[in-house]
Amino acid sequence: MPTVDPSRPDATGSTPPDAGDRAPGDGRRAPLDRPPGARYERADPHSEGADPATARTLPGLAVAALTGLAGSVLIVVLGGVLSLSAGLLLLTGLVGWVIGRSAATATHIGSGARRLIAGGLTIASVVVGQVGLWLYAMSQGGALDLVGYLAQTWGPLVPAQILVAAGAAWWASRG
């Protein structure tokens, strides 16, 4: 096997390149400034200059808040207008779970904060629903105060709803 002397010119009359040198036109390209598939992404006109973490978080927390509001309305409709009590526990558990899953999408917020937000929204939803039940009863001729009405009409179902809803929200928000 012949040895190559780097100081001697080769057959073309030029010296071989040092290790790491690139000859012009050797087919290598400079690194790309963005991934090749990025050219197919659509630019969202509404998110121009928006922080991507905030853009992902706000919809999740907005869905959680709207779910809490819808849960409160459903508590009033099912418990007051339709006079159902059996489905309220299931309803509050489902509302808590949806709120927890929605809050879990806020990935830049810590796990503990997500759980607190989900639990707070869920408990607020149940409490607002119970106040709505009392207001509905008052509009139908009721005369009891809030605590007396809830204790006499619903009894242990109110604390059970709060516990089930908060537990479902905590479990679902662990993300």
Protein backbone atom coordinates (compact mmCIF):
# COMPACT_ATOMS: atom_id res chain seq x y z
CA MET A 1 0.00 0.00 0.00
CA PRO A 2 1.51 3.30 -1.01
CA THR A 3 1.88 6.03 1.56
CA VAL A 4 0.77 9.57 0.86
CA ASP A 5 3.09 12.42 1.69
CA PRO A 6 0.94 15.47 2.60
CA SER A 7 3.68 17.87 1.57
CA ARG A 8 3.88 16.51 -1.98
CA PRO A 9 1.37 17.55 -4.61
CA ASP A 10 -0.88 14.84 -6.01
CA ALA A 11 -1.36 14.02 -9.66
CA THR A 12 -3.40 17.17 -10.27
CA GLY A 13 -0.69 19.40 -8.85
CA SER A 14 -2.53 20.46 -5.67
CA THR A 15 -1.86 19.49 -2.08
CA PRO A 16 -4.47 17.33 -0.37
CA PRO A 17 -6.78 19.22 2.07
CA ASP A 18 -6.19 19.05 5.81
CA ALA A 19 -8.55 17.03 7.91
CA GLY A 20 -11.79 18.96 8.45
CA ASP A 21 -11.31 21.24 5.45
CA ARG A 22 -14.04 21.18 2.86
CA ALA A 23 -13.31 21.53 -0.76
CA PRO A 24 -15.58 23.96 -2.59
CA GLY A 25 -18.53 22.22 -4.16
CA ASP A 26 -18.15 18.96 -2.23
CA GLY A 27 -21.94 18.69 -1.80
CA ARG A 28 -22.17 19.66 1.86
CA ARG A 29 -24.63 22.36 2.88
CA ALA A 30 -24.81 24.77 5.74
CA PRO A 31 -27.16 23.78 8.58
CA LEU A 32 -30.79 24.83 8.15
CA ASP A 33 -32.16 27.66 10.23
CA ARG A 34 -35.53 25.86 10.63
CA PRO A 35 -36.81 22.31 10.11
CA PRO A 36 -37.71 21.40 6.53
CA GLY A 37 -41.35 20.73 7.42
CA ALA A 38 -41.81 24.20 8.91
CA ARG A 39 -42.52 25.62 5.47
CA TYR A 40 -45.83 23.74 5.45
CA GLU A 41 -47.06 25.20 8.73
CA ARG A 42 -49.73 27.85 8.53
CA ALA A 43 -49.06 31.10 10.24
CA ASP A 44 -51.83 31.87 12.72
CA PRO A 45 -52.72 35.56 12.29
CA HIS A 46 -54.14 35.75 15.81
CA SER A 47 -51.02 34.49 17.56
CA GLU A 48 -48.57 36.95 16.07
CA GLY A 49 -46.12 37.76 18.84
CA ALA A 50 -48.04 35.66 21.37
CA ASP A 51 -46.24 33.49 23.88
CA PRO A 52 -46.81 29.83 22.87
CA ALA A 53 -47.17 28.73 26.50
CA THR A 54 -49.89 31.31 27.13
CA ALA A 55 -51.61 30.43 23.86
CA ARG A 56 -51.92 26.81 25.04
CA THR A 57 -52.86 27.63 28.62
CA LEU A 58 -55.64 30.15 28.18
CA PRO A 59 -57.93 27.89 26.15
CA GLY A 60 -57.57 25.10 28.72
CA LEU A 61 -58.34 27.36 31.64
CA ALA A 62 -61.15 29.04 29.69
CA VAL A 63 -62.69 25.62 29.00
CA ALA A 64 -62.35 24.80 32.70
CA ALA A 65 -64.11 28.02 33.72
CA LEU A 66 -66.89 27.56 31.16
CA THR A 67 -67.35 23.96 32.28
CA GLY A 68 -67.71 25.18 35.86
CA LEU A 69 -70.33 27.69 34.80
CA ALA A 70 -72.21 25.08 32.77
CA GLY A 71 -72.03 22.71 35.75
CA SER A 72 -73.61 25.33 37.99
CA VAL A 73 -76.44 25.85 35.53
CA LEU A 74 -76.98 22.09 35.20
CA ILE A 75 -77.14 21.73 38.99
CA VAL A 76 -79.93 24.32 39.08
CA VAL A 77 -81.79 22.77 36.15
CA LEU A 78 -81.53 19.16 37.37
CA GLY A 79 -81.94 19.86 41.09
CA GLY A 80 -84.40 22.74 40.93
CA VAL A 81 -86.44 22.65 37.76
CA LEU A 82 -86.50 18.84 37.32
CA SER A 83 -86.27 18.03 41.07
CA LEU A 84 -83.70 15.28 40.58
CA SER A 85 -81.23 14.46 43.29
CA ALA A 86 -79.72 11.14 42.21
CA GLY A 87 -77.92 12.51 39.16
CA LEU A 88 -76.38 15.49 40.94
CA LEU A 89 -73.55 13.48 42.45
CA LEU A 90 -72.68 11.98 39.07
CA LEU A 91 -72.99 15.38 37.41
CA THR A 92 -70.62 17.09 39.86
CA GLY A 93 -68.10 14.26 39.48
CA LEU A 94 -68.21 14.62 35.69
CA VAL A 95 -67.90 18.41 35.89
CA GLY A 96 -64.93 18.05 38.25
CA TRP A 97 -63.24 15.59 35.91
CA VAL A 98 -63.68 17.84 32.84
CA ILE A 99 -62.40 20.86 34.77
CA GLY A 100 -59.39 18.84 35.93
CA ARG A 101 -58.56 17.60 32.42
CA SER A 102 -58.89 21.13 31.05
CA ALA A 103 -56.62 22.54 33.75
CA ALA A 104 -54.09 19.78 33.06
CA THR A 105 -53.43 21.31 29.64
CA ALA A 106 -51.78 24.30 31.33
CA THR A 107 -48.39 22.59 31.17
CA HIS A 108 -46.27 25.62 32.05
CA ILE A 109 -48.08 25.88 35.40
CA GLY A 110 -46.79 23.58 38.12
CA SER A 111 -48.67 20.42 39.01
CA GLY A 112 -49.68 21.73 42.42
CA ALA A 113 -50.99 24.98 40.97
CA ARG A 114 -52.98 23.08 38.34
CA ARG A 115 -54.58 20.99 41.06
CA LEU A 116 -55.42 24.07 43.12
CA ILE A 117 -56.95 25.84 40.12
CA ALA A 118 -58.99 22.77 39.17
CA GLY A 119 -60.14 22.21 42.74
CA GLY A 120 -61.03 25.86 43.26
CA LEU A 121 -63.01 26.10 40.03
CA THR A 122 -64.82 22.85 40.81
CA ILE A 123 -65.75 23.82 44.37
CA ALA A 124 -66.87 27.24 43.14
CA SER A 125 -69.02 25.56 40.48
CA VAL A 126 -70.78 23.37 43.04
CA VAL A 127 -71.25 26.23 45.52
CA VAL A 128 -72.65 28.56 42.84
CA GLY A 129 -74.97 25.74 41.75
CA GLN A 130 -76.21 25.31 45.33
CA VAL A 131 -76.82 29.04 45.68
CA GLY A 132 -78.69 28.87 42.36
CA LEU A 133 -80.84 26.05 43.74
CA TRP A 134 -81.68 28.18 46.78
CA LEU A 135 -82.52 31.19 44.58
CA TYR A 136 -84.75 29.01 42.44
CA ALA A 137 -86.51 27.72 45.56
CA MET A 138 -86.96 31.32 46.76
CA SER A 139 -88.52 32.25 43.42
CA GLN A 140 -91.01 29.40 43.91
CA GLY A 141 -92.13 30.69 47.31
CA GLY A 142 -89.43 29.31 49.61
CA ALA A 143 -88.82 31.02 52.94
CA LEU A 144 -85.67 29.35 54.36
CA ASP A 145 -82.24 30.91 54.52
CA LEU A 146 -79.46 29.41 52.36
CA VAL A 147 -77.93 27.09 54.96
CA GLY A 148 -81.33 25.99 56.30
CA TYR A 149 -82.59 25.24 52.79
CA LEU A 150 -79.53 23.24 51.79
CA ALA A 151 -79.45 21.31 55.07
CA GLN A 152 -83.16 20.53 55.09
CA THR A 153 -83.63 19.82 51.39
CA TRP A 154 -80.38 18.21 50.30
CA GLY A 155 -78.77 17.16 53.58
CA PRO A 156 -75.44 15.32 53.19
CA LEU A 157 -75.68 15.44 49.37
CA VAL A 158 -74.17 18.95 49.25
CA PRO A 159 -70.88 18.05 51.04
CA ALA A 160 -70.78 14.77 49.08
CA GLN A 161 -71.05 16.72 45.81
CA ILE A 162 -68.20 18.99 46.85
CA LEU A 163 -66.00 16.04 47.84
CA VAL A 164 -66.74 14.01 44.70
CA ALA A 165 -66.24 17.00 42.39
CA ALA A 166 -63.02 18.14 44.05
CA GLY A 167 -61.66 14.58 44.12
CA ALA A 168 -62.42 14.09 40.42
CA ALA A 169 -60.81 17.42 39.56
CA TRP A 170 -57.72 16.63 41.62
CA TRP A 171 -57.39 13.19 40.02
CA ALA A 172 -57.92 14.44 36.47
CA SER A 173 -55.58 17.44 36.79
CA ARG A 174 -52.53 15.44 37.82
CA GLY A 175 -51.75 15.33 34.07
